Every structure is written in C-alpha cells, then in structure tokens.
Amino acid sequence: MKQLVLASSNEGKIREIRRILAPLDIEVIPQAHFQVPEADEPHGTFIENALAKARHAATLTGLPALADDSGICVDALDGAPGVYSARFAGEPKSDERNNDRLLELLAQKDDRRAHYYCVIVLVRHAHDPQPLIAEGEWNGEVLRERRGSGGFGYDPLFLDPTLGKTGAELPVDEKNRISHRGKALALLVERLRRA
C-alpha cells in the first residue's frame, strides 16, 4: 500500500496521522484533495462511525481509506459528549464553543474524570470484509479552566494527571506517543508491518 485516503478534514488529525504513518512510506492524502464530502456519522458508537467514514472515502476514491472516530467521554456526563464531541455545542463545529459547553455542564460537578477514546479503521477497498481496526484510550480529568496553547479539540481542558500537563501543554511527539489516537495508530502500524 503506497497511498491511502484519510477520511477527515481535521487539520490536527491529518498532521498527527501523517507523522505517525511516515515510517511506513505510505502517502496519506486528505479526502478534500479528491473533493470527497464528509460522510454522515449517524451511529451511536465510535466504531460504526469510523467504518462508515472509511467505506465512504474508499467508495468515492477507489483507494484504501483510513478513518478514525474519537472523542472525549466524561464520567459525570454518562460518557458524553462521546461520539458528539466535535459538534457538542452545535454547528458550525467549534473547539472553543465545545470547551465552553463542557465547562458549563461540569461547573457544579466534583467528579472530573474523563478519557479520550479513539477507534481507527482501515479498509483496503470499499467492501473490505476484514477492515483493520485499532483502538486507544487516554485517561485523565477535565480542568476548570484551559491550559496550554497546543493541540486541538478538548486538549486545553484535558489533564493527564501522571504528567501534570494538559494535552495542549505537551510537545507534539510526546502527545502522539501517549494519546488515544497515538496508541491506536501505533497498534495499526504494528499490524500493517505484520501484514
């Protein structure tokens, strides 16, 4: 596999995935390059949404496709925002408004435990009966105010208690090593190397 289409328009995800897959010499091409519109994400689980996005991109490009679905799951909110993380504050998507909404909902909560979850699906073709699936989790807690200027999404609020830093305070390479997406991609890379 020399090329694959990435079923995402999220610049942060594109950078992370390209960096992690670089050692495999696979060219990662964002779906926007092919004018592929974003797929619907009607499902209630991360895996169903990721598979739908990967099949959509593979169908419209004829290339192998990789998609992820990821989000933050907050214990005190029964796992919300979960699959709705990107649109938690409605349309248009906005990291800033999503973070504001999360802070608002947790304002009176003492339980700040949360985890990021990511599932990555790679289909070799649109009807691949055995997609490669990898998942990762990153445990932490939600702060009461933002810290750091890096990352994206909920990173300024997501504290890794072991490191004492938010996702937005971590250097990119360190974040890629310990994050939910980094762990899922590492598993995927391992499987691709064995294939």
C-alpha atoms as a PDB file:
ATOM      1  CA  MET A   1       0.000   0.000   0.000  1.00  0.00           C
ATOM      2  CA  LYS A   2       1.644   3.206  -1.204  1.00  0.00           C
ATOM      3  CA  GLN A   3      -1.265   5.628  -0.768  1.00  0.00           C
ATOM      4  CA  LEU A   4      -4.371   5.908   1.327  1.00  0.00           C
ATOM      5  CA  VAL A   5      -7.091   8.472   1.632  1.00  0.00           C
ATOM      6  CA  LEU A   6      -7.719   9.908   5.067  1.00  0.00           C
ATOM      7  CA  ALA A   7     -11.427  10.340   5.742  1.00  0.00           C
ATOM      8  CA  SER A   8     -11.028  13.585   7.671  1.00  0.00           C
ATOM      9  CA  SER A   9     -10.818  17.316   7.123  1.00  0.00           C
ATOM     10  CA  ASN A  10      -9.489  17.976  10.633  1.00  0.00           C
ATOM     11  CA  GLU A  11      -6.029  19.555  10.195  1.00  0.00           C
ATOM     12  CA  GLY A  12      -4.882  18.393  13.636  1.00  0.00           C
ATOM     13  CA  LYS A  13      -5.760  14.772  12.881  1.00  0.00           C
ATOM     14  CA  ILE A  14      -4.181  14.980   9.417  1.00  0.00           C
ATOM     15  CA  ARG A  15      -0.868  16.204  10.904  1.00  0.00           C
ATOM     16  CA  GLU A  16      -0.862  13.552  13.655  1.00  0.00           C
ATOM     17  CA  ILE A  17      -1.699  10.667  11.339  1.00  0.00           C
ATOM     18  CA  ARG A  18       0.828  11.700   8.661  1.00  0.00           C
ATOM     19  CA  ARG A  19       3.578  11.980  11.272  1.00  0.00           C
ATOM     20  CA  ILE A  20       2.874   8.572  12.794  1.00  0.00           C
ATOM     21  CA  LEU A  21       2.492   6.729   9.456  1.00  0.00           C
ATOM     22  CA  ALA A  22       5.574   8.402   7.899  1.00  0.00           C
ATOM     23  CA  PRO A  23       7.948   5.488   8.734  1.00  0.00           C
ATOM     24  CA  LEU A  24       5.792   3.136   6.609  1.00  0.00           C
ATOM     25  CA  ASP A  25       6.264   5.272   3.460  1.00  0.00           C
ATOM     26  CA  ILE A  26       2.512   5.481   2.919  1.00  0.00           C
ATOM     27  CA  GLU A  27       1.329   8.722   1.364  1.00  0.00           C
ATOM     28  CA  VAL A  28      -1.649   9.981   3.377  1.00  0.00           C
ATOM     29  CA  ILE A  29      -3.944  12.104   1.205  1.00  0.00           C
ATOM     30  CA  PRO A  30      -6.821  14.001   2.865  1.00  0.00           C
ATOM     31  CA  GLN A  31     -10.223  13.304   1.325  1.00  0.00           C
ATOM     32  CA  ALA A  32     -10.630  17.010   0.493  1.00  0.00           C
ATOM     33  CA  HIS A  33      -7.922  16.536  -2.172  1.00  0.00           C
ATOM     34  CA  PHE A  34     -10.454  14.384  -4.037  1.00  0.00           C
ATOM     35  CA  GLN A  35     -13.429  16.663  -3.221  1.00  0.00           C
ATOM     36  CA  VAL A  36     -14.902  13.895  -1.053  1.00  0.00           C
ATOM     37  CA  PRO A  37     -17.588  15.406   1.191  1.00  0.00           C
ATOM     38  CA  GLU A  38     -17.680  14.468   4.850  1.00  0.00           C
ATOM     39  CA  ALA A  39     -19.633  11.292   5.481  1.00  0.00           C
ATOM     40  CA  ASP A  40     -22.669  11.214   7.703  1.00  0.00           C
ATOM     41  CA  GLU A  41     -21.980   9.984  11.231  1.00  0.00           C
ATOM     42  CA  PRO A  42     -25.426   8.769  12.283  1.00  0.00           C
ATOM     43  CA  HIS A  43     -24.295   5.983  14.575  1.00  0.00           C
ATOM     44  CA  GLY A  44     -24.175   5.878  18.354  1.00  0.00           C
ATOM     45  CA  THR A  45     -20.776   4.165  18.510  1.00  0.00           C
ATOM     46  CA  PHE A  46     -17.304   5.248  17.505  1.00  0.00           C
ATOM     47  CA  ILE A  47     -16.588   2.057  15.550  1.00  0.00           C
ATOM     48  CA  GLU A  48     -19.706   2.261  13.372  1.00  0.00           C
ATOM     49  CA  ASN A  49     -18.976   5.904  12.510  1.00  0.00           C
ATOM     50  CA  ALA A  50     -15.317   5.202  11.689  1.00  0.00           C
ATOM     51  CA  LEU A  51     -16.251   2.281   9.446  1.00  0.00           C
ATOM     52  CA  ALA A  52     -18.911   4.361   7.651  1.00  0.00           C
ATOM     53  CA  LYS A  53     -16.389   7.164   7.031  1.00  0.00           C
ATOM     54  CA  ALA A  54     -13.696   4.787   5.750  1.00  0.00           C
ATOM     55  CA  ARG A  55     -16.075   2.984   3.367  1.00  0.00           C
ATOM     56  CA  HIS A  56     -17.427   6.336   2.105  1.00  0.00           C
ATOM     57  CA  ALA A  57     -13.933   7.638   1.265  1.00  0.00           C
ATOM     58  CA  ALA A  58     -12.843   4.343  -0.323  1.00  0.00           C
ATOM     59  CA  THR A  59     -16.008   4.205  -2.450  1.00  0.00           C
ATOM     60  CA  LEU A  60     -15.517   7.724  -3.822  1.00  0.00           C
ATOM     61  CA  THR A  61     -11.748   7.488  -4.437  1.00  0.00           C
ATOM     62  CA  GLY A  62     -11.043   3.834  -5.217  1.00  0.00           C
ATOM     63  CA  LEU A  63      -8.147   3.969  -2.717  1.00  0.00           C
ATOM     64  CA  PRO A  64      -7.619   2.259   0.612  1.00  0.00           C
ATOM     65  CA  ALA A  65      -9.107   4.526   3.271  1.00  0.00           C
ATOM     66  CA  LEU A  66      -8.378   5.248   6.887  1.00  0.00           C
ATOM     67  CA  ALA A  67     -10.865   6.870   9.235  1.00  0.00           C
ATOM     68  CA  ASP A  68     -10.957   7.484  12.907  1.00  0.00           C
ATOM     69  CA  ASP A  69     -13.728   8.386  15.219  1.00  0.00           C
ATOM     70  CA  SER A  70     -12.723   9.756  18.536  1.00  0.00           C
ATOM     71  CA  GLY A  71     -13.906  11.937  21.325  1.00  0.00           C
ATOM     72  CA  ILE A  72     -13.870  12.681  24.991  1.00  0.00           C
ATOM     73  CA  CYS A  73     -16.065  10.684  27.357  1.00  0.00           C
ATOM     74  CA  VAL A  74     -16.776  12.311  30.725  1.00  0.00           C
ATOM     75  CA  ASP A  75     -17.809  10.083  33.630  1.00  0.00           C
ATOM     76  CA  ALA A  76     -20.085  12.656  35.296  1.00  0.00           C
ATOM     77  CA  LEU A  77     -21.930  13.133  31.984  1.00  0.00           C
ATOM     78  CA  ASP A  78     -22.544   9.403  31.426  1.00  0.00           C
ATOM     79  CA  GLY A  79     -19.884   9.301  28.710  1.00  0.00           C
ATOM     80  CA  ALA A  80     -20.966  12.457  26.891  1.00  0.00           C
ATOM     81  CA  PRO A  81     -20.028  14.139  24.667  1.00  0.00           C
ATOM     82  CA  GLY A  82     -18.709  10.836  23.252  1.00  0.00           C
ATOM     83  CA  VAL A  83     -19.453  10.439  19.534  1.00  0.00           C
ATOM     84  CA  TYR A  84     -20.830  14.005  19.538  1.00  0.00           C
ATOM     85  CA  SER A  85     -17.548  15.564  20.734  1.00  0.00           C
ATOM     86  CA  ALA A  86     -16.869  17.532  17.535  1.00  0.00           C
ATOM     87  CA  ARG A  87     -20.383  19.019  17.443  1.00  0.00           C
ATOM     88  CA  PHE A  88     -21.087  19.182  21.177  1.00  0.00           C
ATOM     89  CA  ALA A  89     -22.025  22.873  21.029  1.00  0.00           C
ATOM     90  CA  GLY A  90     -23.838  22.538  17.684  1.00  0.00           C
ATOM     91  CA  GLU A  91     -22.991  23.705  14.184  1.00  0.00           C
ATOM     92  CA  PRO A  92     -20.755  25.067  12.914  1.00  0.00           C
ATOM     93  CA  LYS A  93     -18.131  22.941  14.707  1.00  0.00           C
ATOM     94  CA  SER A  94     -16.038  24.975  17.139  1.00  0.00           C
ATOM     95  CA  ASP A  95     -13.413  23.755  19.614  1.00  0.00           C
ATOM     96  CA  GLU A  96     -13.852  26.964  21.602  1.00  0.00           C
ATOM     97  CA  ARG A  97     -17.628  26.611  21.969  1.00  0.00           C
ATOM     98  CA  ASN A  98     -17.336  22.866  22.678  1.00  0.00           C
ATOM     99  CA  ASN A  99     -14.935  23.570  25.524  1.00  0.00           C
ATOM    100  CA  ASP A 100     -17.229  26.295  26.882  1.00  0.00           C
ATOM    101  CA  ARG A 101     -20.174  23.880  26.849  1.00  0.00           C
ATOM    102  CA  LEU A 102     -18.203  21.191  28.645  1.00  0.00           C
ATOM    103  CA  LEU A 103     -17.124  23.653  31.342  1.00  0.00           C
ATOM    104  CA  GLU A 104     -20.710  24.833  31.737  1.00  0.00           C
ATOM    105  CA  LEU A 105     -22.068  21.292  32.194  1.00  0.00           C
ATOM    106  CA  LEU A 106     -19.343  20.373  34.676  1.00  0.00           C
ATOM    107  CA  ALA A 107     -19.469  23.630  36.661  1.00  0.00           C
ATOM    108  CA  GLN A 108     -21.222  22.048  39.659  1.00  0.00           C
ATOM    109  CA  LYS A 109     -19.583  18.614  39.357  1.00  0.00           C
ATOM    110  CA  ASP A 110     -16.759  17.368  41.560  1.00  0.00           C
ATOM    111  CA  ASP A 111     -16.150  14.207  39.542  1.00  0.00           C
ATOM    112  CA  ARG A 112     -13.909  15.417  36.702  1.00  0.00           C
ATOM    113  CA  ARG A 113     -12.736  12.004  35.431  1.00  0.00           C
ATOM    114  CA  ALA A 114     -12.700  11.590  31.679  1.00  0.00           C
ATOM    115  CA  HIS A 115     -10.963   9.720  28.917  1.00  0.00           C
ATOM    116  CA  TYR A 116     -10.289  10.269  25.282  1.00  0.00           C
ATOM    117  CA  TYR A 117     -11.194   7.284  23.096  1.00  0.00           C
ATOM    118  CA  CYS A 118     -10.206   6.604  19.504  1.00  0.00           C
ATOM    119  CA  VAL A 119     -11.001   3.840  17.067  1.00  0.00           C
ATOM    120  CA  ILE A 120      -9.224   3.705  13.714  1.00  0.00           C
ATOM    121  CA  VAL A 121     -10.497   1.695  10.784  1.00  0.00           C
ATOM    122  CA  LEU A 122      -8.515   0.952   7.632  1.00  0.00           C
ATOM    123  CA  VAL A 123     -10.302  -0.583   4.663  1.00  0.00           C
ATOM    124  CA  ARG A 124      -8.223  -1.841   1.747  1.00  0.00           C
ATOM    125  CA  HIS A 125     -11.214  -1.266  -0.546  1.00  0.00           C
ATOM    126  CA  ALA A 126     -14.809  -0.107  -0.116  1.00  0.00           C
ATOM    127  CA  HIS A 127     -16.215  -3.597   0.529  1.00  0.00           C
ATOM    128  CA  ASP A 128     -13.305  -4.928   2.592  1.00  0.00           C
ATOM    129  CA  PRO A 129     -14.825  -7.729   4.727  1.00  0.00           C
ATOM    130  CA  GLN A 130     -11.924  -7.602   7.207  1.00  0.00           C
ATOM    131  CA  PRO A 131     -11.072  -3.978   7.961  1.00  0.00           C
ATOM    132  CA  LEU A 132      -8.096  -3.390  10.207  1.00  0.00           C
ATOM    133  CA  ILE A 133      -9.363  -1.952  13.493  1.00  0.00           C
ATOM    134  CA  ALA A 134      -7.274  -0.419  16.265  1.00  0.00           C
ATOM    135  CA  GLU A 135      -8.329   1.459  19.370  1.00  0.00           C
ATOM    136  CA  GLY A 136      -6.730   3.515  22.094  1.00  0.00           C
ATOM    137  CA  GLU A 137      -7.687   5.276  25.302  1.00  0.00           C
ATOM    138  CA  TRP A 138      -6.106   8.139  27.253  1.00  0.00           C
ATOM    139  CA  ASN A 139      -7.300   8.615  30.825  1.00  0.00           C
ATOM    140  CA  GLY A 140      -7.347  11.928  32.625  1.00  0.00           C
ATOM    141  CA  GLU A 141      -9.611  14.608  34.017  1.00  0.00           C
ATOM    142  CA  VAL A 142     -11.276  17.826  32.923  1.00  0.00           C
ATOM    143  CA  LEU A 143      -9.865  21.019  34.415  1.00  0.00           C
ATOM    144  CA  ARG A 144     -11.953  24.027  35.409  1.00  0.00           C
ATOM    145  CA  GLU A 145     -10.044  26.322  33.032  1.00  0.00           C
ATOM    146  CA  ARG A 146      -7.954  25.998  29.890  1.00  0.00           C
ATOM    147  CA  ARG A 147      -4.178  25.496  29.991  1.00  0.00           C
ATOM    148  CA  GLY A 148      -1.727  25.460  27.100  1.00  0.00           C
ATOM    149  CA  SER A 149      -1.728  26.600  23.502  1.00  0.00           C
ATOM    150  CA  GLY A 150      -1.019  23.415  21.538  1.00  0.00           C
ATOM    151  CA  GLY A 151      -3.203  20.527  20.468  1.00  0.00           C
ATOM    152  CA  PHE A 152      -6.814  20.840  19.393  1.00  0.00           C
ATOM    153  CA  GLY A 153     -10.287  19.829  20.499  1.00  0.00           C
ATOM    154  CA  TYR A 154     -10.554  19.462  24.262  1.00  0.00           C
ATOM    155  CA  ASP A 155      -6.766  19.365  24.810  1.00  0.00           C
ATOM    156  CA  PRO A 156      -6.626  22.655  26.793  1.00  0.00           C
ATOM    157  CA  LEU A 157      -9.028  21.179  29.379  1.00  0.00           C
ATOM    158  CA  PHE A 158      -7.818  17.568  29.408  1.00  0.00           C
ATOM    159  CA  LEU A 159      -5.243  16.932  32.141  1.00  0.00           C
ATOM    160  CA  ASP A 160      -3.020  13.867  32.178  1.00  0.00           C
ATOM    161  CA  PRO A 161      -2.619  13.533  35.977  1.00  0.00           C
ATOM    162  CA  THR A 162       0.506  11.386  35.685  1.00  0.00           C
ATOM    163  CA  LEU A 163       2.329  14.123  33.766  1.00  0.00           C
ATOM    164  CA  GLY A 164       0.544  17.075  35.369  1.00  0.00           C
ATOM    165  CA  LYS A 165       0.052  18.587  31.912  1.00  0.00           C
ATOM    166  CA  THR A 166      -2.875  19.118  29.587  1.00  0.00           C
ATOM    167  CA  GLY A 167      -2.936  17.787  26.051  1.00  0.00           C
ATOM    168  CA  ALA A 168      -2.364  21.394  24.940  1.00  0.00           C
ATOM    169  CA  GLU A 169       0.826  21.663  27.038  1.00  0.00           C
ATOM    170  CA  LEU A 170       2.524  18.539  25.708  1.00  0.00           C
ATOM    171  CA  PRO A 171       5.106  18.580  22.921  1.00  0.00           C
ATOM    172  CA  VAL A 172       3.653  17.001  19.773  1.00  0.00           C
ATOM    173  CA  ASP A 173       5.885  13.911  19.841  1.00  0.00           C
ATOM    174  CA  GLU A 174       5.066  13.183  23.477  1.00  0.00           C
ATOM    175  CA  LYS A 175       1.356  13.652  22.893  1.00  0.00           C
ATOM    176  CA  ASN A 176       1.473  11.339  19.846  1.00  0.00           C
ATOM    177  CA  ARG A 177       3.117   8.659  21.982  1.00  0.00           C
ATOM    178  CA  ILE A 178       0.604   8.679  24.873  1.00  0.00           C
ATOM    179  CA  SER A 179      -2.662   9.919  23.363  1.00  0.00           C
ATOM    180  CA  HIS A 180      -5.667   7.804  22.443  1.00  0.00           C
ATOM    181  CA  ARG A 181      -5.003   8.368  18.728  1.00  0.00           C
ATOM    182  CA  GLY A 182      -1.279   7.761  19.150  1.00  0.00           C
ATOM    183  CA  LYS A 183      -1.934   4.424  20.851  1.00  0.00           C
ATOM    184  CA  ALA A 184      -4.474   3.372  18.204  1.00  0.00           C
ATOM    185  CA  LEU A 185      -2.133   4.381  15.372  1.00  0.00           C
ATOM    186  CA  ALA A 186       0.786   2.525  16.978  1.00  0.00           C
ATOM    187  CA  LEU A 187      -1.358  -0.626  17.016  1.00  0.00           C
ATOM    188  CA  LEU A 188      -2.343  -0.040  13.389  1.00  0.00           C
ATOM    189  CA  VAL A 189       1.306   0.463  12.346  1.00  0.00           C
ATOM    190  CA  GLU A 190       2.237  -2.783  14.098  1.00  0.00           C
ATOM    191  CA  ARG A 191      -0.499  -4.652  12.226  1.00  0.00           C
ATOM    192  CA  LEU A 192       0.476  -3.115   8.877  1.00  0.00           C
ATOM    193  CA  ARG A 193       4.092  -4.139   9.420  1.00  0.00           C
ATOM    194  CA  ARG A 194       2.973  -7.741  10.051  1.00  0.00           C
ATOM    195  CA  ALA A 195       0.645  -7.792   7.026  1.00  0.00           C
END
